[in-house]
Amino acid sequence: MKLYLVSLGAGILVGIVYALMQVRSPAPPVVALIGLLGMLIGEQVLPPIKRMIAGEPVTVAWFHTECMPKITGAPGPALTAERHANDEDVAR
Protein backbone atom coordinates (compact mmCIF):
# COMPACT_ATOMS: atom_id res chain seq x y z
CA MET A 1 0.00 0.00 0.00
CA LYS A 2 2.89 2.34 0.82
CA LEU A 3 4.22 2.00 -2.74
CA TYR A 4 0.88 3.09 -4.17
CA LEU A 5 0.69 6.10 -1.89
CA VAL A 6 4.24 7.17 -2.80
CA SER A 7 3.39 6.77 -6.48
CA LEU A 8 0.23 8.80 -6.08
CA GLY A 9 2.12 11.49 -4.15
CA ALA A 10 4.81 11.69 -6.84
CA GLY A 11 2.12 12.03 -9.50
CA ILE A 12 0.39 14.81 -7.58
CA LEU A 13 3.71 16.61 -7.09
CA VAL A 14 4.48 16.42 -10.82
CA GLY A 15 0.97 17.67 -11.57
CA ILE A 16 1.51 20.66 -9.28
CA VAL A 17 4.83 21.43 -10.98
CA TYR A 18 3.13 21.24 -14.40
CA ALA A 19 0.37 23.58 -13.16
CA LEU A 20 2.92 26.07 -11.80
CA MET A 21 4.76 26.01 -15.14
CA GLN A 22 1.39 26.35 -16.90
CA VAL A 23 2.00 23.36 -19.19
CA ARG A 24 -0.15 20.35 -19.90
CA SER A 25 0.97 16.82 -19.23
CA PRO A 26 2.73 15.28 -22.23
CA ALA A 27 0.08 12.63 -22.83
CA PRO A 28 -3.62 12.24 -22.04
CA PRO A 29 -4.01 10.06 -18.94
CA VAL A 30 -5.65 7.15 -20.79
CA VAL A 31 -2.93 7.10 -23.42
CA ALA A 32 -0.23 7.18 -20.74
CA LEU A 33 -1.85 4.35 -18.77
CA ILE A 34 -2.25 2.19 -21.86
CA GLY A 35 1.41 2.83 -22.69
CA LEU A 36 2.44 1.75 -19.20
CA LEU A 37 0.32 -1.39 -19.50
CA GLY A 38 2.03 -2.13 -22.80
CA MET A 39 5.43 -1.77 -21.14
CA LEU A 40 4.46 -4.19 -18.36
CA ILE A 41 3.15 -6.74 -20.86
CA GLY A 42 6.21 -6.27 -23.06
CA GLU A 43 8.51 -7.07 -20.13
CA GLN A 44 6.82 -10.46 -19.86
CA VAL A 45 7.34 -11.50 -23.50
CA LEU A 46 10.89 -12.79 -23.03
CA PRO A 47 10.46 -15.11 -19.98
CA PRO A 48 8.14 -17.56 -21.83
CA ILE A 49 10.43 -17.50 -24.88
CA LYS A 50 13.49 -18.23 -22.73
CA ARG A 51 11.55 -21.02 -21.03
CA MET A 52 10.56 -22.57 -24.38
CA ILE A 53 14.15 -22.38 -25.65
CA ALA A 54 15.30 -24.17 -22.48
CA GLY A 55 12.79 -26.94 -23.27
CA GLU A 56 10.61 -26.19 -20.25
CA PRO A 57 6.83 -26.10 -20.60
CA VAL A 58 4.97 -22.81 -20.71
CA THR A 59 1.63 -23.47 -19.07
CA VAL A 60 -1.21 -21.18 -18.10
CA ALA A 61 -0.49 -21.95 -14.44
CA TRP A 62 3.16 -20.96 -14.86
CA PHE A 63 2.19 -17.74 -16.66
CA HIS A 64 -0.38 -16.94 -13.98
CA THR A 65 2.16 -17.54 -11.19
CA GLU A 66 5.25 -15.96 -12.76
CA CYS A 67 4.07 -13.26 -15.17
CA MET A 68 0.67 -12.00 -14.03
CA PRO A 69 1.90 -10.67 -10.66
CA LYS A 70 4.50 -8.60 -12.51
CA ILE A 71 1.88 -7.22 -14.89
CA THR A 72 -0.85 -6.52 -12.33
CA GLY A 73 1.29 -5.73 -9.29
CA ALA A 74 -0.77 -8.13 -7.20
CA PRO A 75 1.07 -10.89 -5.35
CA GLY A 76 0.93 -14.23 -7.08
CA PRO A 77 -0.56 -17.37 -5.54
CA ALA A 78 2.84 -18.55 -4.30
CA LEU A 79 3.61 -15.23 -2.62
CA THR A 80 0.16 -15.05 -1.06
CA ALA A 81 0.50 -18.58 0.39
CA GLU A 82 4.00 -17.78 1.65
CA ARG A 83 2.80 -14.61 3.34
CA HIS A 84 -0.06 -16.48 5.03
CA ALA A 85 2.41 -19.08 6.30
CA ASN A 86 4.70 -16.33 7.62
CA ASP A 87 1.73 -14.58 9.27
CA GLU A 88 0.78 -17.83 11.02
CA ASP A 89 4.38 -18.30 12.24
CA VAL A 90 4.41 -14.76 13.63
CA ALA A 91 1.04 -15.30 15.34
CA ARG A 92 2.40 -18.31 17.22
PDB file of N, CA and C in Angstrom:
ATOM      1  N   MET A   1       0.831  -1.192   0.000  1.00  0.00           N
ATOM      2  CA  MET A   1       0.000   0.000   0.000  1.00  0.00           C
ATOM      3  C   MET A   1       0.871   1.250   0.000  1.00  0.00           C
ATOM      4  N   LYS A   2       1.992   1.192   0.729  1.00  0.00           N
ATOM      5  CA  LYS A   2       2.885   2.344   0.819  1.00  0.00           C
ATOM      6  C   LYS A   2       3.394   2.743  -0.570  1.00  0.00           C
ATOM      7  N   LEU A   3       3.731   1.736  -1.391  1.00  0.00           N
ATOM      8  CA  LEU A   3       4.221   1.996  -2.741  1.00  0.00           C
ATOM      9  C   LEU A   3       3.197   2.770  -3.559  1.00  0.00           C
ATOM     10  N   TYR A   4       1.927   2.407  -3.429  1.00  0.00           N
ATOM     11  CA  TYR A   4       0.876   3.088  -4.174  1.00  0.00           C
ATOM     12  C   TYR A   4       0.721   4.537  -3.705  1.00  0.00           C
ATOM     13  N   LEU A   5       0.819   4.745  -2.420  1.00  0.00           N
ATOM     14  CA  LEU A   5       0.695   6.102  -1.890  1.00  0.00           C
ATOM     15  C   LEU A   5       1.870   6.973  -2.331  1.00  0.00           C
ATOM     16  N   VAL A   6       3.073   6.420  -2.330  1.00  0.00           N
ATOM     17  CA  VAL A   6       4.244   7.165  -2.798  1.00  0.00           C
ATOM     18  C   VAL A   6       4.079   7.501  -4.278  1.00  0.00           C
ATOM     19  N   SER A   7       3.614   6.537  -5.055  1.00  0.00           N
ATOM     20  CA  SER A   7       3.392   6.768  -6.484  1.00  0.00           C
ATOM     21  C   SER A   7       2.351   7.849  -6.705  1.00  0.00           C
ATOM     22  N   LEU A   8       1.271   7.786  -5.972  1.00  0.00           N
ATOM     23  CA  LEU A   8       0.226   8.802  -6.079  1.00  0.00           C
ATOM     24  C   LEU A   8       0.779  10.169  -5.683  1.00  0.00           C
ATOM     25  N   GLY A   9       1.529  10.220  -4.596  1.00  0.00           N
ATOM     26  CA  GLY A   9       2.120  11.488  -4.149  1.00  0.00           C
ATOM     27  C   GLY A   9       3.064  12.071  -5.185  1.00  0.00           C
ATOM     28  N   ALA A  10       3.884  11.222  -5.795  1.00  0.00           N
ATOM     29  CA  ALA A  10       4.807  11.689  -6.842  1.00  0.00           C
ATOM     30  C   ALA A  10       4.022  12.236  -8.027  1.00  0.00           C
ATOM     31  N   GLY A  11       2.957  11.553  -8.397  1.00  0.00           N
ATOM     32  CA  GLY A  11       2.119  12.030  -9.499  1.00  0.00           C
ATOM     33  C   GLY A  11       1.475  13.367  -9.191  1.00  0.00           C
ATOM     34  N   ILE A  12       0.998  13.535  -7.972  1.00  0.00           N
ATOM     35  CA  ILE A  12       0.387  14.809  -7.578  1.00  0.00           C
ATOM     36  C   ILE A  12       1.436  15.918  -7.596  1.00  0.00           C
ATOM     37  N   LEU A  13       2.625  15.619  -7.096  1.00  0.00           N
ATOM     38  CA  LEU A  13       3.710  16.606  -7.088  1.00  0.00           C
ATOM     39  C   LEU A  13       4.066  17.036  -8.515  1.00  0.00           C
ATOM     40  N   VAL A  14       4.179  16.091  -9.424  1.00  0.00           N
ATOM     41  CA  VAL A  14       4.477  16.421 -10.818  1.00  0.00           C
ATOM     42  C   VAL A  14       3.337  17.247 -11.412  1.00  0.00           C
ATOM     43  N   GLY A  15       2.112  16.888 -11.082  1.00  0.00           N
ATOM     44  CA  GLY A  15       0.965  17.666 -11.566  1.00  0.00           C
ATOM     45  C   GLY A  15       0.999  19.100 -11.078  1.00  0.00           C
ATOM     46  N   ILE A  16       1.393  19.301  -9.824  1.00  0.00           N
ATOM     47  CA  ILE A  16       1.511  20.655  -9.278  1.00  0.00           C
ATOM     48  C   ILE A  16       2.599  21.434 -10.011  1.00  0.00           C
ATOM     49  N   VAL A  17       3.742  20.776 -10.248  1.00  0.00           N
ATOM     50  CA  VAL A  17       4.834  21.426 -10.984  1.00  0.00           C
ATOM     51  C   VAL A  17       4.365  21.818 -12.377  1.00  0.00           C
ATOM     52  N   TYR A  18       3.652  20.925 -13.069  1.00  0.00           N
ATOM     53  CA  TYR A  18       3.126  21.239 -14.398  1.00  0.00           C
ATOM     54  C   TYR A  18       2.184  22.443 -14.322  1.00  0.00           C
ATOM     55  N   ALA A  19       1.312  22.471 -13.304  1.00  0.00           N
ATOM     56  CA  ALA A  19       0.370  23.577 -13.161  1.00  0.00           C
ATOM     57  C   ALA A  19       1.107  24.885 -12.905  1.00  0.00           C
ATOM     58  N   LEU A  20       2.144  24.856 -12.069  1.00  0.00           N
ATOM     59  CA  LEU A  20       2.919  26.066 -11.800  1.00  0.00           C
ATOM     60  C   LEU A  20       3.630  26.568 -13.051  1.00  0.00           C
ATOM     61  N   MET A  21       4.075  25.635 -13.886  1.00  0.00           N
ATOM     62  CA  MET A  21       4.756  26.007 -15.136  1.00  0.00           C
ATOM     63  C   MET A  21       3.758  26.326 -16.249  1.00  0.00           C
ATOM     64  N   GLN A  22       2.482  26.123 -15.966  1.00  0.00           N
ATOM     65  CA  GLN A  22       1.391  26.351 -16.900  1.00  0.00           C
ATOM     66  C   GLN A  22       1.576  25.564 -18.203  1.00  0.00           C
ATOM     67  N   VAL A  23       1.910  24.272 -18.045  1.00  0.00           N
ATOM     68  CA  VAL A  23       1.997  23.364 -19.188  1.00  0.00           C
ATOM     69  C   VAL A  23       1.072  22.184 -18.944  1.00  0.00           C
ATOM     70  N   ARG A  24       0.695  21.546 -20.019  1.00  0.00           N
ATOM     71  CA  ARG A  24      -0.147  20.351 -19.900  1.00  0.00           C
ATOM     72  C   ARG A  24       0.747  19.127 -19.825  1.00  0.00           C
ATOM     73  N   SER A  25       0.211  18.065 -19.273  1.00  0.00           N
ATOM     74  CA  SER A  25       0.968  16.821 -19.231  1.00  0.00           C
ATOM     75  C   SER A  25       1.240  16.357 -20.652  1.00  0.00           C
ATOM     76  N   PRO A  26       2.353  15.649 -20.872  1.00  0.00           N
ATOM     77  CA  PRO A  26       2.734  15.283 -22.229  1.00  0.00           C
ATOM     78  C   PRO A  26       1.805  14.296 -22.926  1.00  0.00           C
ATOM     79  N   ALA A  27       0.989  13.585 -22.205  1.00  0.00           N
ATOM     80  CA  ALA A  27       0.078  12.627 -22.831  1.00  0.00           C
ATOM     81  C   ALA A  27      -1.237  12.609 -22.051  1.00  0.00           C
ATOM     82  N   PRO A  28      -2.347  12.403 -22.762  1.00  0.00           N
ATOM     83  CA  PRO A  28      -3.618  12.244 -22.041  1.00  0.00           C
ATOM     84  C   PRO A  28      -3.515  11.057 -21.087  1.00  0.00           C
ATOM     85  N   PRO A  29      -4.146  11.122 -19.935  1.00  0.00           N
ATOM     86  CA  PRO A  29      -4.011  10.059 -18.942  1.00  0.00           C
ATOM     87  C   PRO A  29      -4.296   8.659 -19.469  1.00  0.00           C
ATOM     88  N   VAL A  30      -5.328   8.489 -20.291  1.00  0.00           N
ATOM     89  CA  VAL A  30      -5.655   7.151 -20.788  1.00  0.00           C
ATOM     90  C   VAL A  30      -4.536   6.633 -21.685  1.00  0.00           C
ATOM     91  N   VAL A  31      -4.007   7.504 -22.531  1.00  0.00           N
ATOM     92  CA  VAL A  31      -2.925   7.095 -23.421  1.00  0.00           C
ATOM     93  C   VAL A  31      -1.700   6.695 -22.602  1.00  0.00           C
ATOM     94  N   ALA A  32      -1.387   7.480 -21.581  1.00  0.00           N
ATOM     95  CA  ALA A  32      -0.233   7.178 -20.738  1.00  0.00           C
ATOM     96  C   ALA A  32      -0.419   5.847 -20.015  1.00  0.00           C
ATOM     97  N   LEU A  33      -1.609   5.600 -19.493  1.00  0.00           N
ATOM     98  CA  LEU A  33      -1.852   4.346 -18.772  1.00  0.00           C
ATOM     99  C   LEU A  33      -1.794   3.140 -19.707  1.00  0.00           C
ATOM    100  N   ILE A  34      -2.312   3.287 -20.898  1.00  0.00           N
ATOM    101  CA  ILE A  34      -2.251   2.187 -21.863  1.00  0.00           C
ATOM    102  C   ILE A  34      -0.804   1.923 -22.256  1.00  0.00           C
ATOM    103  N   GLY A  35      -0.013   2.995 -22.400  1.00  0.00           N
ATOM    104  CA  GLY A  35       1.409   2.833 -22.693  1.00  0.00           C
ATOM    105  C   GLY A  35       2.137   2.105 -21.579  1.00  0.00           C
ATOM    106  N   LEU A  36       1.824   2.449 -20.335  1.00  0.00           N
ATOM    107  CA  LEU A  36       2.442   1.754 -19.198  1.00  0.00           C
ATOM    108  C   LEU A  36       2.040   0.286 -19.173  1.00  0.00           C
ATOM    109  N   LEU A  37       0.775   0.001 -19.444  1.00  0.00           N
ATOM    110  CA  LEU A  37       0.323  -1.390 -19.497  1.00  0.00           C
ATOM    111  C   LEU A  37       1.084  -2.144 -20.585  1.00  0.00           C
ATOM    112  N   GLY A  38       1.266  -1.505 -21.725  1.00  0.00           N
ATOM    113  CA  GLY A  38       2.026  -2.128 -22.802  1.00  0.00           C
ATOM    114  C   GLY A  38       3.455  -2.434 -22.380  1.00  0.00           C
ATOM    115  N   MET A  39       4.067  -1.528 -21.630  1.00  0.00           N
ATOM    116  CA  MET A  39       5.427  -1.766 -21.144  1.00  0.00           C
ATOM    117  C   MET A  39       5.462  -2.971 -20.206  1.00  0.00           C
ATOM    118  N   LEU A  40       4.500  -3.063 -19.306  1.00  0.00           N
ATOM    119  CA  LEU A  40       4.456  -4.187 -18.361  1.00  0.00           C
ATOM    120  C   LEU A  40       4.260  -5.510 -19.094  1.00  0.00           C
ATOM    121  N   ILE A  41       3.382  -5.516 -20.079  1.00  0.00           N
ATOM    122  CA  ILE A  41       3.153  -6.735 -20.856  1.00  0.00           C
ATOM    123  C   ILE A  41       4.400  -7.072 -21.666  1.00  0.00           C
ATOM    124  N   GLY A  42       5.012  -6.055 -22.265  1.00  0.00           N
ATOM    125  CA  GLY A  42       6.212  -6.267 -23.057  1.00  0.00           C
ATOM    126  C   GLY A  42       7.358  -6.865 -22.256  1.00  0.00           C
ATOM    127  N   GLU A  43       7.471  -6.497 -20.990  1.00  0.00           N
ATOM    128  CA  GLU A  43       8.509  -7.065 -20.133  1.00  0.00           C
ATOM    129  C   GLU A  43       8.324  -8.564 -19.935  1.00  0.00           C
ATOM    130  N   GLN A  44       7.107  -9.050 -20.118  1.00  0.00           N
ATOM    131  CA  GLN A  44       6.816 -10.457 -19.863  1.00  0.00           C
ATOM    132  C   GLN A  44       6.811 -11.297 -21.132  1.00  0.00           C
ATOM    133  N   VAL A  45       7.267 -10.750 -22.246  1.00  0.00           N
ATOM    134  CA  VAL A  45       7.339 -11.500 -23.496  1.00  0.00           C
ATOM    135  C   VAL A  45       8.540 -12.445 -23.482  1.00  0.00           C
ATOM    136  N   LEU A  46       9.668 -11.987 -22.976  1.00  0.00           N
ATOM    137  CA  LEU A  46      10.891 -12.793 -23.028  1.00  0.00           C
ATOM    138  C   LEU A  46      10.910 -14.005 -22.081  1.00  0.00           C
ATOM    139  N   PRO A  47      10.388 -13.924 -20.853  1.00  0.00           N
ATOM    140  CA  PRO A  47      10.458 -15.106 -19.985  1.00  0.00           C
ATOM    141  C   PRO A  47       9.848 -16.376 -20.585  1.00  0.00           C
ATOM    142  N   PRO A  48       8.653 -16.330 -21.221  1.00  0.00           N
ATOM    143  CA  PRO A  48       8.138 -17.562 -21.828  1.00  0.00           C
ATOM    144  C   PRO A  48       9.014 -18.047 -22.987  1.00  0.00           C
ATOM    145  N   ILE A  49       9.570 -17.112 -23.766  1.00  0.00           N
ATOM    146  CA  ILE A  49      10.431 -17.501 -24.881  1.00  0.00           C
ATOM    147  C   ILE A  49      11.682 -18.191 -24.361  1.00  0.00           C
ATOM    148  N   LYS A  50      12.293 -17.614 -23.327  1.00  0.00           N
ATOM    149  CA  LYS A  50      13.485 -18.232 -22.728  1.00  0.00           C
ATOM    150  C   LYS A  50      13.146 -19.619 -22.195  1.00  0.00           C
ATOM    151  N   ARG A  51      11.974 -19.734 -21.593  1.00  0.00           N
ATOM    152  CA  ARG A  51      11.548 -21.024 -21.033  1.00  0.00           C
ATOM    153  C   ARG A  51      11.356 -22.064 -22.138  1.00  0.00           C
ATOM    154  N   MET A  52      10.763 -21.641 -23.256  1.00  0.00           N
ATOM    155  CA  MET A  52      10.561 -22.570 -24.382  1.00  0.00           C
ATOM    156  C   MET A  52      11.903 -23.000 -24.980  1.00  0.00           C
ATOM    157  N   ILE A  53      12.837 -22.057 -25.113  1.00  0.00           N
ATOM    158  CA  ILE A  53      14.153 -22.381 -25.654  1.00  0.00           C
ATOM    159  C   ILE A  53      14.874 -23.373 -24.753  1.00  0.00           C
ATOM    160  N   ALA A  54      14.672 -23.254 -23.442  1.00  0.00           N
ATOM    161  CA  ALA A  54      15.299 -24.168 -22.482  1.00  0.00           C
ATOM    162  C   ALA A  54      14.603 -25.529 -22.456  1.00  0.00           C
ATOM    163  N   GLY A  55      13.504 -25.666 -23.217  1.00  0.00           N
ATOM    164  CA  GLY A  55      12.794 -26.940 -23.272  1.00  0.00           C
ATOM    165  C   GLY A  55      11.828 -27.148 -22.118  1.00  0.00           C
ATOM    166  N   GLU A  56      11.547 -26.089 -21.375  1.00  0.00           N
ATOM    167  CA  GLU A  56      10.615 -26.188 -20.251  1.00  0.00           C
ATOM    168  C   GLU A  56       9.217 -25.816 -20.736  1.00  0.00           C
ATOM    169  N   PRO A  57       8.190 -26.401 -20.143  1.00  0.00           N
ATOM    170  CA  PRO A  57       6.827 -26.104 -20.604  1.00  0.00           C
ATOM    171  C   PRO A  57       6.377 -24.701 -20.187  1.00  0.00           C
ATOM    172  N   VAL A  58       5.594 -24.087 -21.036  1.00  0.00           N
ATOM    173  CA  VAL A  58       4.970 -22.807 -20.711  1.00  0.00           C
ATOM    174  C   VAL A  58       3.482 -23.084 -20.568  1.00  0.00           C
ATOM    175  N   THR A  59       3.035 -23.149 -19.342  1.00  0.00           N
ATOM    176  CA  THR A  59       1.634 -23.466 -19.065  1.00  0.00           C
ATOM    177  C   THR A  59       0.907 -22.214 -18.587  1.00  0.00           C
ATOM    178  N   VAL A  60      -0.402 -22.285 -18.606  1.00  0.00           N
ATOM    179  CA  VAL A  60      -1.213 -21.182 -18.100  1.00  0.00           C
ATOM    180  C   VAL A  60      -0.931 -20.974 -16.613  1.00  0.00           C
ATOM    181  N   ALA A  61      -0.784 -22.060 -15.876  1.00  0.00           N
ATOM    182  CA  ALA A  61      -0.492 -21.948 -14.439  1.00  0.00           C
ATOM    183  C   ALA A  61       0.837 -21.246 -14.211  1.00  0.00           C
ATOM    184  N   TRP A  62       1.857 -21.616 -14.996  1.00  0.00           N
ATOM    185  CA  TRP A  62       3.162 -20.961 -14.864  1.00  0.00           C
ATOM    186  C   TRP A  62       3.040 -19.475 -15.165  1.00  0.00           C
ATOM    187  N   PHE A  63       2.356 -19.145 -16.274  1.00  0.00           N
ATOM    188  CA  PHE A  63       2.187 -17.741 -16.660  1.00  0.00           C
ATOM    189  C   PHE A  63       1.455 -16.975 -15.572  1.00  0.00           C
ATOM    190  N   HIS A  64       0.414 -17.599 -15.024  1.00  0.00           N
ATOM    191  CA  HIS A  64      -0.378 -16.942 -13.979  1.00  0.00           C
ATOM    192  C   HIS A  64       0.468 -16.713 -12.727  1.00  0.00           C
ATOM    193  N   THR A  65       1.336 -17.653 -12.398  1.00  0.00           N
ATOM    194  CA  THR A  65       2.161 -17.542 -11.194  1.00  0.00           C
ATOM    195  C   THR A  65       3.353 -16.614 -11.386  1.00  0.00           C
ATOM    196  N   GLU A  66       4.003 -16.693 -12.541  1.00  0.00           N
ATOM    197  CA  GLU A  66       5.254 -15.957 -12.758  1.00  0.00           C
ATOM    198  C   GLU A  66       5.065 -14.597 -13.420  1.00  0.00           C
ATOM    199  N   CYS A  67       4.179 -14.488 -14.376  1.00  0.00           N
ATOM    200  CA  CYS A  67       4.075 -13.256 -15.167  1.00  0.00           C
ATOM    201  C   CYS A  67       2.958 -12.317 -14.707  1.00  0.00           C
ATOM    202  N   MET A  68       1.798 -12.855 -14.389  1.00  0.00           N
ATOM    203  CA  MET A  68       0.667 -12.000 -14.032  1.00  0.00           C
ATOM    204  C   MET A  68       0.940 -11.094 -12.834  1.00  0.00           C
ATOM    205  N   PRO A  69       1.611 -11.587 -11.778  1.00  0.00           N
ATOM    206  CA  PRO A  69       1.896 -10.671 -10.662  1.00  0.00           C
ATOM    207  C   PRO A  69       2.760  -9.482 -11.086  1.00  0.00           C
ATOM    208  N   LYS A  70       3.643  -9.685 -12.042  1.00  0.00           N
ATOM    209  CA  LYS A  70       4.502  -8.596 -12.507  1.00  0.00           C
ATOM    210  C   LYS A  70       3.720  -7.615 -13.380  1.00  0.00           C
ATOM    211  N   ILE A  71       2.699  -8.093 -14.055  1.00  0.00           N
ATOM    212  CA  ILE A  71       1.878  -7.224 -14.894  1.00  0.00           C
ATOM    213  C   ILE A  71       0.875  -6.460 -14.041  1.00  0.00           C
ATOM    214  N   THR A  72       0.218  -7.143 -13.119  1.00  0.00           N
ATOM    215  CA  THR A  72      -0.851  -6.518 -12.333  1.00  0.00           C
ATOM    216  C   THR A  72      -0.363  -5.856 -11.056  1.00  0.00           C
ATOM    217  N   GLY A  73       0.802  -6.272 -10.553  1.00  0.00           N
ATOM    218  CA  GLY A  73       1.294  -5.727  -9.292  1.00  0.00           C
ATOM    219  C   GLY A  73       0.727  -6.432  -8.075  1.00  0.00           C
ATOM    220  N   ALA A  74      -0.194  -7.357  -8.303  1.00  0.00           N
ATOM    221  CA  ALA A  74      -0.771  -8.128  -7.204  1.00  0.00           C
ATOM    222  C   ALA A  74       0.128  -9.321  -6.905  1.00  0.00           C
ATOM    223  N   PRO A  75       0.238  -9.719  -5.643  1.00  0.00           N
ATOM    224  CA  PRO A  75       1.072 -10.890  -5.347  1.00  0.00           C
ATOM    225  C   PRO A  75       0.489 -12.142  -5.982  1.00  0.00           C
ATOM    226  N   GLY A  76       1.366 -12.989  -6.475  1.00  0.00           N
ATOM    227  CA  GLY A  76       0.933 -14.234  -7.084  1.00  0.00           C
ATOM    228  C   GLY A  76       0.484 -15.228  -6.040  1.00  0.00           C
ATOM    229  N   PRO A  77      -0.089 -16.348  -6.477  1.00  0.00           N
ATOM    230  CA  PRO A  77      -0.563 -17.371  -5.541  1.00  0.00           C
ATOM    231  C   PRO A  77       0.535 -17.875  -4.615  1.00  0.00           C
ATOM    232  N   ALA A  78       1.744 -18.046  -5.125  1.00  0.00           N
ATOM    233  CA  ALA A  78       2.843 -18.549  -4.298  1.00  0.00           C
ATOM    234  C   ALA A  78       3.206 -17.534  -3.223  1.00  0.00           C
ATOM    235  N   LEU A  79       3.264 -16.263  -3.595  1.00  0.00           N
ATOM    236  CA  LEU A  79       3.608 -15.234  -2.625  1.00  0.00           C
ATOM    237  C   LEU A  79       2.515 -15.087  -1.574  1.00  0.00           C
ATOM    238  N   THR A  80       1.264 -15.171  -1.997  1.00  0.00           N
ATOM    239  CA  THR A  80       0.159 -15.051  -1.062  1.00  0.00           C
ATOM    240  C   THR A  80       0.199 -16.194  -0.050  1.00  0.00           C
ATOM    241  N   ALA A  81       0.426 -17.428  -0.516  1.00  0.00           N
ATOM    242  CA  ALA A  81       0.498 -18.576   0.385  1.00  0.00           C
ATOM    243  C   ALA A  81       1.680 -18.435   1.342  1.00  0.00           C
ATOM    244  N   GLU A  82       2.814 -17.954   0.823  1.00  0.00           N
ATOM    245  CA  GLU A  82       4.002 -17.783   1.655  1.00  0.00           C
ATOM    246  C   GLU A  82       3.754 -16.725   2.728  1.00  0.00           C
ATOM    247  N   ARG A  83       3.095 -15.655   2.355  1.00  0.00           N
ATOM    248  CA  ARG A  83       2.803 -14.607   3.342  1.00  0.00           C
ATOM    249  C   ARG A  83       1.871 -15.115   4.425  1.00  0.00           C
ATOM    250  N   HIS A  84       0.855 -15.921   4.033  1.00  0.00           N
ATOM    251  CA  HIS A  84      -0.057 -16.478   5.029  1.00  0.00           C
ATOM    252  C   HIS A  84       0.689 -17.396   5.978  1.00  0.00           C
ATOM    253  N   ALA A  85       1.620 -18.189   5.457  1.00  0.00           N
ATOM    254  CA  ALA A  85       2.410 -19.080   6.297  1.00  0.00           C
ATOM    255  C   ALA A  85       3.271 -18.276   7.258  1.00  0.00           C
ATOM    256  N   ASN A  86       3.872 -17.194   6.770  1.00  0.00           N
ATOM    257  CA  ASN A  86       4.695 -16.335   7.616  1.00  0.00           C
ATOM    258  C   ASN A  86       3.837 -15.652   8.682  1.00  0.00           C
ATOM    259  N   ASP A  87       2.634 -15.221   8.310  1.00  0.00           N
ATOM    260  CA  ASP A  87       1.733 -14.583   9.265  1.00  0.00           C
ATOM    261  C   ASP A  87       1.350 -15.558  10.377  1.00  0.00           C
ATOM    262  N   GLU A  88       1.123 -16.832  10.012  1.00  0.00           N
ATOM    263  CA  GLU A  88       0.781 -17.828  11.017  1.00  0.00           C
ATOM    264  C   GLU A  88       1.961 -18.097  11.947  1.00  0.00           C
ATOM    265  N   ASP A  89       3.184 -18.102  11.405  1.00  0.00           N
ATOM    266  CA  ASP A  89       4.375 -18.299  12.237  1.00  0.00           C
ATOM    267  C   ASP A  89       4.534 -17.148  13.217  1.00  0.00           C
ATOM    268  N   VAL A  90       4.279 -15.943  12.769  1.00  0.00           N
ATOM    269  CA  VAL A  90       4.409 -14.758  13.632  1.00  0.00           C
ATOM    270  C   VAL A  90       3.342 -14.802  14.713  1.00  0.00           C
ATOM    271  N   ALA A  91       2.146 -15.261  14.370  1.00  0.00           N
ATOM    272  CA  ALA A  91       1.037 -15.298  15.336  1.00  0.00           C
ATOM    273  C   ALA A  91       1.311 -16.286  16.464  1.00  0.00           C
ATOM    274  N   ARG A  92       2.114 -17.296  16.184  1.00  0.00           N
ATOM    275  CA  ARG A  92       2.404 -18.310  17.217  1.00  0.00           C
ATOM    276  C   ARG A  92       3.356 -17.753  18.170  1.00  0.00           C
TER     277      ARG A  92
END
